[in-house]
Structures are given as structure tokens and as C-alpha cells.
Amino acid sequence: FKDKDALFVAVVKYYAAEAERTFYPLLEMTPAGKVNIKNFMCSALKSSPAAGCFLTNCQRDFAQLPRAAQKVVHQHFEKLRQLFIMNLAADLE
């Protein structure tokens, strides 16, 4: 790694990829609905304490992150937001 920032960005990317592999499929199941959100939340609570917490802390400290890490964190939480909206909207139909 070139420097500490590059190492940090690599770690953020790793955790985002793990979260995508582990949690996104729970929110992408069909039929969409609140049950997917419940399953996501239950799974997050049952997982290792480290799963997800790092990304949440990155969100909290967003302004201090390197720009490349900000981009990864933003994309992760934007995807989660879209999946939550999709599931909530499905229950309104």
C-alpha cells in the first residue's frame, strides 16, 4: 500500500464487499416487502459484532475519511437505501 489512506480505503472496500455479499441478498429476495427488511435486521444482529459496524462508524466519521473511502461508503449506504425503499414500496402496492 502506498500509504495509510490507501490501506484504509482497501479495508473499507473489503467490508463493503462483505456486506454486499452477506446482506444485500436478503433485501433482494422476492417477493419484496417488509419481511426482507426484518430478515436483514435479524441477520445483522446475529452476525459477528464487526460485520457492518465498521461501515456504520465510517458513515459517522464521513467528513474525515479519504475521498476514495467516502465514495465507497456513500455507494454502500445508497444501495441499502434503495433496497429499503424498494421493499417498503412493495408493501404499499
C-alpha atoms as a PDB file:
ATOM      1  CA  PHE A   1       0.000   0.000   0.000  1.00  0.00           C
ATOM      2  CA  LYS A   2       1.206   3.437  -0.882  1.00  0.00           C
ATOM      3  CA  ASP A   3       0.212   4.997   2.455  1.00  0.00           C
ATOM      4  CA  LYS A   4      -2.213   4.745   5.381  1.00  0.00           C
ATOM      5  CA  ASP A   5      -5.068   6.212   3.353  1.00  0.00           C
ATOM      6  CA  ALA A   6      -4.634   3.574   0.640  1.00  0.00           C
ATOM      7  CA  LEU A   7      -4.688   0.836   3.280  1.00  0.00           C
ATOM      8  CA  PHE A   8      -7.791   2.335   4.876  1.00  0.00           C
ATOM      9  CA  VAL A   9      -9.582   2.544   1.525  1.00  0.00           C
ATOM     10  CA  ALA A  10      -8.755  -1.107   0.859  1.00  0.00           C
ATOM     11  CA  VAL A  11     -10.262  -2.071   4.224  1.00  0.00           C
ATOM     12  CA  VAL A  12     -13.417  -0.047   3.541  1.00  0.00           C
ATOM     13  CA  LYS A  13     -13.764  -1.737   0.145  1.00  0.00           C
ATOM     14  CA  TYR A  14     -13.330  -5.159   1.760  1.00  0.00           C
ATOM     15  CA  TYR A  15     -16.037  -4.537   4.374  1.00  0.00           C
ATOM     16  CA  ALA A  16     -18.399  -3.082   1.760  1.00  0.00           C
ATOM     17  CA  ALA A  17     -17.907  -6.159  -0.443  1.00  0.00           C
ATOM     18  CA  GLU A  18     -18.561  -8.465   2.534  1.00  0.00           C
ATOM     19  CA  ALA A  19     -21.716  -6.557   3.437  1.00  0.00           C
ATOM     20  CA  GLU A  20     -22.872  -6.731  -0.173  1.00  0.00           C
ATOM     21  CA  ARG A  21     -22.265 -10.481  -0.301  1.00  0.00           C
ATOM     22  CA  THR A  22     -23.863 -11.155   3.087  1.00  0.00           C
ATOM     23  CA  PHE A  23     -26.723  -8.704   3.483  1.00  0.00           C
ATOM     24  CA  TYR A  24     -27.863  -7.390   0.093  1.00  0.00           C
ATOM     25  CA  PRO A  25     -29.308 -10.750  -1.000  1.00  0.00           C
ATOM     26  CA  LEU A  26     -31.655 -10.628   1.999  1.00  0.00           C
ATOM     27  CA  LEU A  27     -33.098  -7.361   0.711  1.00  0.00           C
ATOM     28  CA  GLU A  28     -33.209  -8.549  -2.915  1.00  0.00           C
ATOM     29  CA  MET A  29     -35.381 -11.603  -2.266  1.00  0.00           C
ATOM     30  CA  THR A  30     -38.748 -11.870  -3.961  1.00  0.00           C
ATOM     31  CA  PRO A  31     -41.394 -11.091  -3.215  1.00  0.00           C
ATOM     32  CA  ALA A  32     -40.144  -7.760  -1.936  1.00  0.00           C
ATOM     33  CA  GLY A  33     -41.608  -6.474   1.300  1.00  0.00           C
ATOM     34  CA  LYS A  34     -41.137  -5.703   4.963  1.00  0.00           C
ATOM     35  CA  VAL A  35     -40.253  -9.321   5.690  1.00  0.00           C
ATOM     36  CA  ASN A  36     -36.998  -8.787   3.762  1.00  0.00           C
ATOM     37  CA  ILE A  37     -36.158  -5.811   5.964  1.00  0.00           C
ATOM     38  CA  LYS A  38     -36.929  -7.863   9.074  1.00  0.00           C
ATOM     39  CA  ASN A  39     -34.684 -10.680   7.838  1.00  0.00           C
ATOM     40  CA  PHE A  40     -31.924  -8.172   7.075  1.00  0.00           C
ATOM     41  CA  MET A  41     -32.133  -6.638  10.556  1.00  0.00           C
ATOM     42  CA  CYS A  42     -32.242 -10.013  12.307  1.00  0.00           C
ATOM     43  CA  SER A  43     -29.280 -11.248  10.300  1.00  0.00           C
ATOM     44  CA  ALA A  44     -27.286  -8.109  11.061  1.00  0.00           C
ATOM     45  CA  LEU A  45     -27.970  -8.523  14.776  1.00  0.00           C
ATOM     46  CA  LYS A  46     -26.962 -12.191  14.754  1.00  0.00           C
ATOM     47  CA  SER A  47     -23.773 -11.658  12.754  1.00  0.00           C
ATOM     48  CA  SER A  48     -20.362 -11.010  14.194  1.00  0.00           C
ATOM     49  CA  PRO A  49     -20.199  -7.682  16.038  1.00  0.00           C
ATOM     50  CA  ALA A  50     -17.671  -6.498  13.447  1.00  0.00           C
ATOM     51  CA  ALA A  51     -19.945  -7.067  10.442  1.00  0.00           C
ATOM     52  CA  GLY A  52     -21.407  -3.732   9.476  1.00  0.00           C
ATOM     53  CA  CYS A  53     -20.222  -1.756  12.484  1.00  0.00           C
ATOM     54  CA  PHE A  54     -17.091  -0.585  10.687  1.00  0.00           C
ATOM     55  CA  LEU A  55     -19.117   0.817   7.793  1.00  0.00           C
ATOM     56  CA  THR A  56     -21.557   2.458  10.202  1.00  0.00           C
ATOM     57  CA  ASN A  57     -18.659   4.117  12.004  1.00  0.00           C
ATOM     58  CA  CYS A  58     -17.299   5.252   8.659  1.00  0.00           C
ATOM     59  CA  GLN A  59     -20.681   6.843   7.937  1.00  0.00           C
ATOM     60  CA  ARG A  60     -20.494   8.647  11.285  1.00  0.00           C
ATOM     61  CA  ASP A  61     -16.963   9.908  10.565  1.00  0.00           C
ATOM     62  CA  PHE A  62     -17.623  10.522   6.865  1.00  0.00           C
ATOM     63  CA  ALA A  63     -16.136  14.036   6.689  1.00  0.00           C
ATOM     64  CA  GLN A  64     -12.758  12.821   7.961  1.00  0.00           C
ATOM     65  CA  LEU A  65     -12.449   9.900   5.509  1.00  0.00           C
ATOM     66  CA  PRO A  66     -10.254   9.974   2.419  1.00  0.00           C
ATOM     67  CA  ARG A  67     -12.322  10.845  -0.676  1.00  0.00           C
ATOM     68  CA  ALA A  68     -11.974   7.333  -2.105  1.00  0.00           C
ATOM     69  CA  ALA A  69     -13.333   5.846   1.121  1.00  0.00           C
ATOM     70  CA  GLN A  70     -16.179   8.395   1.149  1.00  0.00           C
ATOM     71  CA  LYS A  71     -17.187   7.195  -2.308  1.00  0.00           C
ATOM     72  CA  VAL A  72     -17.287   3.527  -1.231  1.00  0.00           C
ATOM     73  CA  VAL A  73     -19.259   4.295   1.947  1.00  0.00           C
ATOM     74  CA  HIS A  74     -21.703   6.515   0.056  1.00  0.00           C
ATOM     75  CA  GLN A  75     -22.305   3.861  -2.604  1.00  0.00           C
ATOM     76  CA  HIS A  76     -22.863   1.183   0.054  1.00  0.00           C
ATOM     77  CA  PHE A  77     -25.446   3.158   2.009  1.00  0.00           C
ATOM     78  CA  GLU A  78     -27.121   4.460  -1.149  1.00  0.00           C
ATOM     79  CA  LYS A  79     -27.621   0.871  -2.335  1.00  0.00           C
ATOM     80  CA  LEU A  80     -29.060  -0.077   1.075  1.00  0.00           C
ATOM     81  CA  ARG A  81     -31.381   2.944   0.939  1.00  0.00           C
ATOM     82  CA  GLN A  82     -32.632   1.908  -2.499  1.00  0.00           C
ATOM     83  CA  LEU A  83     -33.225  -1.666  -1.336  1.00  0.00           C
ATOM     84  CA  PHE A  84     -35.150  -0.469   1.728  1.00  0.00           C
ATOM     85  CA  ILE A  85     -37.307   1.828  -0.426  1.00  0.00           C
ATOM     86  CA  MET A  86     -37.999  -0.994  -2.880  1.00  0.00           C
ATOM     87  CA  ASN A  87     -39.102  -3.307  -0.069  1.00  0.00           C
ATOM     88  CA  LEU A  88     -41.238  -0.703   1.679  1.00  0.00           C
ATOM     89  CA  ALA A  89     -42.874   0.370  -1.575  1.00  0.00           C
ATOM     90  CA  ALA A  90     -43.765  -3.246  -2.370  1.00  0.00           C
ATOM     91  CA  ASP A  91     -45.914  -3.385   0.770  1.00  0.00           C
ATOM     92  CA  LEU A  92     -47.772  -0.240  -0.280  1.00  0.00           C
ATOM     93  CA  GLU A  93     -48.895  -1.727  -3.583  1.00  0.00           C
END
